[in-house]
Amino acid sequence: MAIDQIAPYLSEMRGFRHDIHQHPELGFEETRTSALVAEALRSWGYTAETGVGKTGVVGQLKNGSGSKRIGLRADMDALPIQEKTGALWQSKRVGLMHACGHDGHTAMLLGAAHYLADTKNFSGTVNLIFQPAEEGLGGAAAMMRDGLFDRYPCDAIFGMHNMPGIAEGHVVLRKGAFMASSDYVTVTLHGAGGHGGLPHQATDSIVAASAIVMAIQTIVSRNTDPLDMSVITVGAIHGGKANNVIPDEVRLELSVRSLSPNTRTMLEQRLREVIDLQAKSYGVRAEIDYRYGYPVLVNHDEPTAFATAVATSLVGESRVDPQGKPLSGSEDFAYMLERVPGSFLLVGNGAGEGACMVHNPAYDFNDNILQTGASLLVRLTEAFLPAQ
C-alpha cells in the first residue's frame, strides 16, 4: 500500500485522537478509552477482549489460510500533567493530559485496524494489543501475567512511538539495545536529630545526604565504560523543616538507567556500596529500597531488518534511519520483546522550532503523522502475512 491509500481513514483517526485526548485516563484507569477501542474493533469485525491486564484490550482478526501471527501494540494511558496547549481538543480533565502521544498511537492502530478489516489483504492472524499503564506502571507485564501471549500467540510483534526532535514522518529504527532500563531507588538516611546550633550533639543526615549525592556521580564517571551509557539522577531530596533543626531522617529518590544488563547490575552493586559506606563515614545508617523497573529494550535483528525494509518501501530511504542512536528513556514494550521476537521504532513528530518534547504541558501529538504511522502498521502486517 501507499500512504495515500489510508487517506479516507484520516478524518476518523483524527476524531479518535481528539476524543481520547479530551478524556485522558491514567494507567490502569483507561476504562473509557478501552470501551471506545473495543466498540470500534467489534464494529469492524474483530473479536475484542477487554480487561486484559486490568484495562487492556486485545482485538483479533483472522483471514485466509495463513498460519503466521503478528502482534501490533499501542499504549493508551495519559499523564498527571495540567495541559497548556490551548488546542481545541485540549483535555477536559483538570491535571491530566496526553503529554506523550499515546492518544495518537491508539488512533494510528485503530486506523490500521479499520483499513485491514476493509481490505483483508493478508493471510493469517492479526493481534492488536491496546496496552494500559505504560507510564511507569508496567502495563505490558500486567497483560503478559494475564496470559496475553498464551491466548494470543505472536510470531513477531511491533510497536512504535512518536518522537519530537525527529523530522515529521521520518522513521528511526535500531538493532539491539534501543532504550534504557529504568530503576527506582529510595534511600532513607537515619541520623539523630538535634539543635542546629549544637551539631556536635546530633548525627547530621543532611550532611551525609549531600556527600552521597556527590559521591554517587563518580560511579558513572569512574566505574562505567565511557562508551556504555548510564545515568544516575537524584530527582528528589526530602528532609528538614527549619533552619535551626537537624532532622532525624533524609530521603533521596534516584532514577538509574543503563543500556546494558551487565552495567545495570554493576550500577546497583556500586550504589549500594557507595551509599552504605558514605553513610557510615558520617555516622548515619542508610536504608536502601532498590526496585527494578523496565528492562533494557532490545530489538531483535531479523524483525528490525524486516521493519526497516518495510519503512523504506513506504516513505523512502532518505526518510529512514536504520540504526539510530539509543535513547536514555525507557519503555515497557521491552517486556514483550523479552518474550516475542520483534522491534520498536520511532516516527518523527517534528523537529525545529515549536517541536515540544513529550511529558511537557505544551506538547501535542502531530496529526500529520497519523497517516504515516497507520500506513506503516498496515504494511508491516501485509508484508508479514502476505495474501495467498
Protein backbone atom coordinates (compact mmCIF):
# COMPACT_ATOMS: atom_id res chain seq x y z
CA MET A 1 0.00 0.00 0.00
CA ALA A 2 0.97 3.66 -0.34
CA ILE A 3 0.42 6.24 2.38
CA ASP A 4 -2.33 7.98 0.42
CA GLN A 5 -4.38 4.77 0.38
CA ILE A 6 -5.24 5.27 4.04
CA ALA A 7 -6.30 8.89 3.47
CA PRO A 8 -10.04 8.00 3.59
CA TYR A 9 -9.49 6.93 7.22
CA LEU A 10 -7.66 10.09 8.29
CA SER A 11 -10.73 12.01 9.46
CA GLU A 12 -11.80 9.04 11.57
CA MET A 13 -8.31 8.68 13.07
CA ARG A 14 -8.19 12.36 13.88
CA GLY A 15 -11.60 12.07 15.53
CA PHE A 16 -10.45 9.17 17.69
CA ARG A 17 -7.29 11.05 18.62
CA HIS A 18 -9.04 14.24 19.66
CA ASP A 19 -11.73 12.37 21.57
CA ILE A 20 -9.18 10.37 23.55
CA HIS A 21 -7.08 13.49 24.09
CA GLN A 22 -10.04 15.34 25.61
CA HIS A 23 -10.71 12.46 28.01
CA PRO A 24 -7.29 11.35 29.33
CA GLU A 25 -7.05 8.48 31.80
CA LEU A 26 -4.13 7.41 33.95
CA GLY A 27 -2.60 3.94 33.95
CA PHE A 28 -4.99 1.10 34.84
CA GLU A 29 -7.87 3.62 34.77
CA GLU A 30 -8.41 3.64 30.97
CA THR A 31 -11.99 2.34 31.14
CA ARG A 32 -13.48 4.90 28.76
CA THR A 33 -10.63 4.54 26.27
CA SER A 34 -10.82 0.74 26.42
CA ALA A 35 -14.56 0.79 25.80
CA LEU A 36 -14.11 3.13 22.81
CA VAL A 37 -11.42 0.86 21.33
CA ALA A 38 -13.37 -2.37 21.87
CA GLU A 39 -16.56 -0.93 20.37
CA ALA A 40 -14.74 0.25 17.26
CA LEU A 41 -12.95 -3.07 16.76
CA ARG A 42 -16.14 -5.09 17.09
CA SER A 43 -17.94 -2.85 14.63
CA TRP A 44 -15.26 -3.71 12.04
CA GLY A 45 -15.49 -7.47 12.60
CA TYR A 46 -12.75 -8.08 15.15
CA THR A 47 -13.14 -10.12 18.27
CA ALA A 48 -12.23 -7.84 21.16
CA GLU A 49 -11.37 -8.95 24.67
CA THR A 50 -11.34 -6.32 27.39
CA GLY A 51 -9.87 -6.48 30.87
CA VAL A 52 -6.55 -7.99 29.79
CA GLY A 53 -4.07 -6.63 32.32
CA LYS A 54 -6.98 -4.87 34.06
CA THR A 55 -7.84 -2.26 31.38
CA GLY A 56 -6.09 -3.58 28.27
CA VAL A 57 -7.85 -4.61 25.06
CA VAL A 58 -6.85 -7.25 22.51
CA GLY A 59 -8.51 -7.32 19.11
CA GLN A 60 -8.06 -10.22 16.75
CA LEU A 61 -8.84 -10.68 13.08
CA LYS A 62 -8.14 -13.81 11.05
CA ASN A 63 -8.19 -14.02 7.29
CA GLY A 64 -7.21 -16.65 4.73
CA SER A 65 -5.36 -19.86 5.46
CA GLY A 66 -2.06 -18.42 6.64
CA SER A 67 -0.69 -19.76 9.92
CA LYS A 68 1.55 -16.85 10.92
CA ARG A 69 0.52 -14.38 13.62
CA ILE A 70 1.57 -10.75 14.05
CA GLY A 71 1.17 -8.53 17.08
CA LEU A 72 0.79 -4.74 16.85
CA ARG A 73 0.85 -2.74 20.08
CA ALA A 74 -0.28 0.77 21.08
CA ASP A 75 -0.38 2.33 24.56
CA MET A 76 -3.40 4.21 25.93
CA ASP A 77 -2.57 5.95 29.23
CA ALA A 78 -2.09 9.64 29.97
CA LEU A 79 -0.02 11.59 32.50
CA PRO A 80 -0.77 13.68 35.62
CA ILE A 81 0.12 16.99 33.93
CA GLN A 82 -2.01 20.13 33.51
CA GLU A 83 -2.27 20.82 29.77
CA LYS A 84 -1.17 24.19 28.37
CA THR A 85 -1.57 23.67 24.62
CA GLY A 86 -4.69 25.76 24.11
CA ALA A 87 -5.80 23.29 21.43
CA LEU A 88 -9.47 23.00 20.53
CA TRP A 89 -9.26 19.38 21.70
CA GLN A 90 -7.47 20.25 24.97
CA SER A 91 -8.01 17.92 27.91
CA LYS A 92 -11.29 18.34 29.75
CA ARG A 93 -9.86 16.77 32.90
CA VAL A 94 -8.01 19.03 35.30
CA GLY A 95 -4.46 17.88 35.96
CA LEU A 96 -4.47 15.13 33.33
CA MET A 97 -3.31 15.19 29.71
CA HIS A 98 -1.93 13.05 26.92
CA ALA A 99 1.55 14.51 27.13
CA CYS A 100 3.30 11.56 25.47
CA GLY A 101 1.15 10.95 22.40
CA HIS A 102 -0.48 7.71 23.45
CA ASP A 103 -3.74 9.14 22.10
CA GLY A 104 -2.06 9.31 18.69
CA HIS A 105 -0.62 5.81 18.98
CA THR A 106 -4.08 4.41 19.76
CA ALA A 107 -5.62 6.35 16.88
CA MET A 108 -2.99 5.09 14.42
CA LEU A 109 -3.57 1.48 15.40
CA LEU A 110 -7.33 1.96 15.13
CA GLY A 111 -6.89 3.44 11.66
CA ALA A 112 -4.74 0.49 10.61
CA ALA A 113 -7.29 -1.90 12.12
CA HIS A 114 -10.15 -0.41 10.11
CA TYR A 115 -8.16 -0.47 6.87
CA LEU A 116 -7.10 -4.11 7.40
CA ALA A 117 -10.68 -5.14 8.15
CA ASP A 118 -11.94 -3.46 4.97
CA THR A 119 -9.24 -4.67 2.60
CA LYS A 120 -8.28 -8.04 4.11
CA ASN A 121 -5.12 -8.07 2.02
CA PHE A 122 -3.38 -10.52 4.34
CA SER A 123 -3.47 -14.19 5.22
CA GLY A 124 -3.01 -15.13 8.86
CA THR A 125 -3.85 -13.67 12.26
CA VAL A 126 -3.62 -10.06 13.37
CA ASN A 127 -3.47 -9.42 17.11
CA LEU A 128 -3.97 -5.77 18.07
CA ILE A 129 -2.73 -5.02 21.58
CA PHE A 130 -4.03 -1.84 23.20
CA GLN A 131 -1.97 -1.65 26.35
CA PRO A 132 -2.70 0.24 29.57
CA ALA A 133 -0.28 1.82 32.02
CA GLU A 134 2.91 2.28 30.04
CA GLU A 135 3.91 5.34 32.09
CA GLY A 136 5.85 3.61 34.84
CA LEU A 137 3.25 1.09 35.97
CA GLY A 138 4.23 -1.83 33.73
CA GLY A 139 1.02 -2.43 31.83
CA ALA A 140 2.84 -4.68 29.35
CA ALA A 141 3.93 -7.00 32.14
CA ALA A 142 0.39 -6.95 33.58
CA MET A 143 -1.07 -8.06 30.25
CA MET A 144 1.52 -10.82 29.98
CA ARG A 145 0.77 -12.05 33.51
CA ASP A 146 -2.86 -12.15 32.42
CA GLY A 147 -1.97 -14.61 29.65
CA LEU A 148 -1.61 -12.23 26.70
CA PHE A 149 0.74 -14.37 24.64
CA ASP A 150 -0.77 -17.65 25.85
CA ARG A 151 -4.17 -16.68 24.45
CA TYR A 152 -2.86 -14.56 21.58
CA PRO A 153 0.46 -16.06 20.49
CA CYS A 154 2.53 -13.97 18.08
CA ASP A 155 5.38 -14.92 15.78
CA ALA A 156 6.53 -11.30 15.74
CA ILE A 157 5.46 -8.11 17.48
CA PHE A 158 5.91 -4.45 16.60
CA GLY A 159 5.38 -1.20 18.47
CA MET A 160 6.01 2.43 17.68
CA HIS A 161 6.26 5.79 19.39
CA ASN A 162 6.17 9.34 18.11
CA MET A 163 9.33 11.35 18.80
CA PRO A 164 9.71 15.14 18.83
CA GLY A 165 13.09 16.25 17.52
CA ILE A 166 12.88 13.85 14.58
CA ALA A 167 11.62 15.27 11.29
CA GLU A 168 7.91 14.81 10.69
CA GLY A 169 7.14 11.36 9.30
CA HIS A 170 10.73 10.10 9.35
CA VAL A 171 11.25 6.63 10.80
CA VAL A 172 14.07 5.62 13.15
CA LEU A 173 14.94 2.02 13.99
CA ARG A 174 17.85 0.29 15.69
CA LYS A 175 19.01 -3.30 16.04
CA GLY A 176 19.98 -4.29 19.58
CA ALA A 177 19.63 -2.10 22.67
CA PHE A 178 17.45 0.88 21.78
CA MET A 179 16.05 2.20 25.06
CA ALA A 180 17.43 2.15 28.58
CA SER A 181 16.42 0.17 31.62
CA SER A 182 14.84 2.28 34.35
CA ASP A 183 15.22 1.52 38.04
CA TYR A 184 13.97 3.35 41.12
CA VAL A 185 15.92 3.77 44.33
CA THR A 186 14.77 5.27 47.61
CA VAL A 187 17.49 5.94 50.17
CA THR A 188 16.42 6.76 53.73
CA LEU A 189 19.18 8.09 55.95
CA HIS A 190 18.63 7.63 59.68
CA GLY A 191 20.59 10.03 61.87
CA ALA A 192 19.99 11.66 65.24
CA GLY A 193 18.20 15.00 65.20
CA GLY A 194 19.19 17.98 67.26
CA HIS A 195 19.57 21.71 67.57
CA GLY A 196 21.12 23.49 64.58
CA GLY A 197 23.39 25.42 66.91
CA LEU A 198 24.67 22.24 68.60
CA PRO A 199 25.59 19.95 65.68
CA HIS A 200 28.11 18.01 67.79
CA GLN A 201 25.19 16.60 69.78
CA ALA A 202 23.44 15.28 66.69
CA THR A 203 24.21 12.98 63.76
CA ASP A 204 23.51 15.04 60.68
CA SER A 205 21.71 13.11 57.96
CA ILE A 206 21.60 16.18 55.69
CA VAL A 207 25.39 16.39 55.54
CA ALA A 208 25.51 12.65 54.82
CA ALA A 209 22.91 13.05 52.07
CA SER A 210 24.94 15.86 50.49
CA ALA A 211 28.07 13.72 50.44
CA ILE A 212 26.16 10.78 48.96
CA VAL A 213 24.69 12.90 46.15
CA MET A 214 28.18 13.96 45.09
CA ALA A 215 29.87 10.58 45.64
CA ILE A 216 27.47 8.51 43.55
CA GLN A 217 28.16 10.68 40.50
CA THR A 218 31.61 9.11 40.34
CA ILE A 219 30.01 5.73 39.63
CA VAL A 220 29.11 6.92 36.14
CA SER A 221 32.33 8.87 35.58
CA ARG A 222 34.75 6.30 37.03
CA ASN A 223 33.13 2.84 37.11
CA THR A 224 31.25 2.82 33.79
CA ASP A 225 32.80 2.34 30.36
CA PRO A 226 32.65 5.80 28.74
CA LEU A 227 31.12 4.18 25.65
CA ASP A 228 28.37 2.47 27.67
CA MET A 229 25.56 4.90 28.53
CA SER A 230 24.42 5.08 32.14
CA VAL A 231 22.60 7.69 34.19
CA ILE A 232 22.19 8.22 37.92
CA THR A 233 19.89 11.10 38.77
CA VAL A 234 18.89 12.26 42.23
CA GLY A 235 15.47 13.68 41.47
CA ALA A 236 14.27 14.49 44.98
CA ILE A 237 15.63 15.20 48.46
CA HIS A 238 13.26 15.30 51.41
CA GLY A 239 14.48 16.31 54.84
CA GLY A 240 14.14 19.02 57.44
CA LYS A 241 11.65 21.83 58.02
CA ALA A 242 13.54 24.57 59.82
CA ASN A 243 16.94 26.21 59.54
CA ASN A 244 17.81 25.56 63.19
CA VAL A 245 16.74 21.92 63.40
CA ILE A 246 18.85 18.96 62.32
CA PRO A 247 16.34 16.30 61.16
CA ASP A 248 16.37 12.67 62.15
CA GLU A 249 15.87 11.49 58.57
CA VAL A 250 16.53 12.49 54.98
CA ARG A 251 15.12 10.66 51.97
CA LEU A 252 16.66 10.60 48.49
CA GLU A 253 14.81 9.48 45.33
CA LEU A 254 17.03 8.19 42.49
CA SER A 255 16.49 7.25 38.85
CA VAL A 256 19.05 4.77 37.48
CA ARG A 257 19.31 3.94 33.76
CA SER A 258 21.57 1.91 31.50
CA LEU A 259 21.68 0.25 28.09
CA SER A 260 23.37 -2.95 29.22
CA PRO A 261 22.16 -5.65 31.64
CA ASN A 262 25.73 -6.03 32.94
CA THR A 263 26.04 -2.30 33.54
CA ARG A 264 22.65 -2.33 35.24
CA THR A 265 23.92 -4.95 37.69
CA MET A 266 27.16 -3.04 38.29
CA LEU A 267 25.28 0.21 38.99
CA GLU A 268 23.20 -1.47 41.68
CA GLN A 269 26.25 -3.03 43.31
CA ARG A 270 28.25 0.20 43.35
CA LEU A 271 25.30 2.32 44.51
CA ARG A 272 24.73 0.04 47.46
CA GLU A 273 28.42 0.11 48.37
CA VAL A 274 28.96 3.84 47.98
CA ILE A 275 25.74 4.83 49.77
CA ASP A 276 26.33 2.46 52.67
CA LEU A 277 29.97 3.43 53.21
CA GLN A 278 29.36 7.16 52.80
CA ALA A 279 26.55 6.98 55.34
CA LYS A 280 28.71 5.07 57.82
CA SER A 281 31.51 7.61 57.45
CA TYR A 282 29.10 10.25 58.78
CA GLY A 283 27.69 8.03 61.50
CA VAL A 284 24.38 7.63 59.69
CA ARG A 285 22.51 4.44 58.79
CA ALA A 286 21.33 4.04 55.18
CA GLU A 287 18.22 2.08 54.29
CA ILE A 288 18.13 1.30 50.55
CA ASP A 289 15.00 0.29 48.66
CA TYR A 290 16.19 -0.73 45.17
CA ARG A 291 13.38 -1.51 42.71
CA TYR A 292 13.97 -2.80 39.20
CA GLY A 293 11.73 -1.10 36.68
CA TYR A 294 11.62 -1.60 32.93
CA PRO A 295 14.42 -3.67 31.40
CA VAL A 296 16.61 -2.60 28.50
CA LEU A 297 14.55 -2.56 25.30
CA VAL A 298 16.41 -4.81 22.86
CA ASN A 299 15.21 -5.01 19.26
CA HIS A 300 15.71 -8.34 17.52
CA ASP A 301 17.88 -8.23 14.42
CA GLU A 302 15.68 -10.02 11.88
CA PRO A 303 12.38 -8.28 12.73
CA THR A 304 14.19 -4.92 12.80
CA ALA A 305 15.72 -5.55 9.37
CA PHE A 306 12.24 -6.53 8.15
CA ALA A 307 10.68 -3.36 9.61
CA THR A 308 13.46 -1.25 8.10
CA ALA A 309 12.75 -2.67 4.65
CA VAL A 310 9.01 -2.07 5.08
CA ALA A 311 9.54 1.52 6.27
CA THR A 312 11.93 2.21 3.38
CA SER A 313 9.44 0.92 0.83
CA LEU A 314 6.76 3.15 2.36
CA VAL A 315 8.48 6.50 2.99
CA GLY A 316 11.75 6.20 1.03
CA GLU A 317 15.35 5.56 2.03
CA SER A 318 16.11 9.22 2.76
CA ARG A 319 13.41 9.27 5.47
CA VAL A 320 14.56 6.12 7.29
CA ASP A 321 17.42 5.83 9.78
CA PRO A 322 18.10 2.08 10.11
CA GLN A 323 20.45 2.38 13.09
CA GLY A 324 19.52 5.44 15.09
CA LYS A 325 21.07 6.49 18.37
CA PRO A 326 19.89 4.67 21.50
CA LEU A 327 17.68 6.59 23.93
CA SER A 328 18.03 7.03 27.69
CA GLY A 329 14.25 6.97 28.05
CA SER A 330 12.51 3.71 28.94
CA GLU A 331 9.59 1.76 27.50
CA ASP A 332 7.77 -1.28 28.86
CA PHE A 333 7.40 -2.77 25.38
CA ALA A 334 10.78 -4.18 26.45
CA TYR A 335 8.92 -6.87 28.42
CA MET A 336 7.11 -8.04 25.29
CA LEU A 337 10.38 -8.17 23.33
CA GLU A 338 11.82 -10.45 26.01
CA ARG A 339 9.06 -12.92 25.18
CA VAL A 340 8.42 -12.45 21.43
CA PRO A 341 10.79 -11.51 18.57
CA GLY A 342 10.04 -8.04 17.33
CA SER A 343 11.04 -4.42 17.05
CA PHE A 344 10.18 -0.99 18.41
CA LEU A 345 10.51 2.03 16.14
CA LEU A 346 10.10 5.79 16.24
CA VAL A 347 8.09 8.07 13.94
CA GLY A 348 9.18 11.70 13.88
CA ASN A 349 6.67 14.09 15.44
CA GLY A 350 8.52 17.10 14.01
CA ALA A 351 11.81 18.91 14.54
CA GLY A 352 12.95 22.51 14.78
CA GLU A 353 11.18 25.48 16.34
CA GLY A 354 7.98 24.52 18.09
CA ALA A 355 8.87 20.84 18.44
CA CYS A 356 7.93 20.37 22.08
CA MET A 357 9.30 17.31 23.87
CA VAL A 358 6.98 14.73 25.41
CA HIS A 359 5.99 14.98 29.09
CA ASN A 360 5.69 18.75 28.69
CA PRO A 361 2.44 20.68 29.34
CA ALA A 362 2.74 22.27 25.87
CA TYR A 363 3.26 19.01 23.95
CA ASP A 364 0.70 17.76 21.44
CA PHE A 365 0.76 14.81 19.07
CA ASN A 366 1.20 15.84 15.44
CA ASP A 367 -1.88 14.76 13.48
CA ASN A 368 0.14 14.98 10.26
CA ILE A 369 1.87 11.70 11.13
CA LEU A 370 -1.32 9.70 11.65
CA GLN A 371 -1.26 8.51 8.04
CA THR A 372 2.41 7.55 8.18
CA GLY A 373 2.05 5.58 11.41
CA ALA A 374 -1.14 3.80 10.39
CA SER A 375 0.24 3.00 6.92
CA LEU A 376 3.39 1.58 8.45
CA LEU A 377 1.36 -0.71 10.71
CA VAL A 378 -0.67 -1.87 7.71
CA ARG A 379 2.42 -2.51 5.58
CA LEU A 380 4.09 -4.46 8.40
CA THR A 381 1.02 -6.66 8.58
CA GLU A 382 0.60 -7.17 4.83
CA ALA A 383 4.31 -7.94 4.38
CA PHE A 384 4.48 -10.33 7.34
CA LEU A 385 1.20 -12.04 6.44
CA PRO A 386 1.23 -11.97 2.61
CA ALA A 387 -2.09 -12.71 0.94
CA GLN A 388 -2.19 -16.14 -0.66
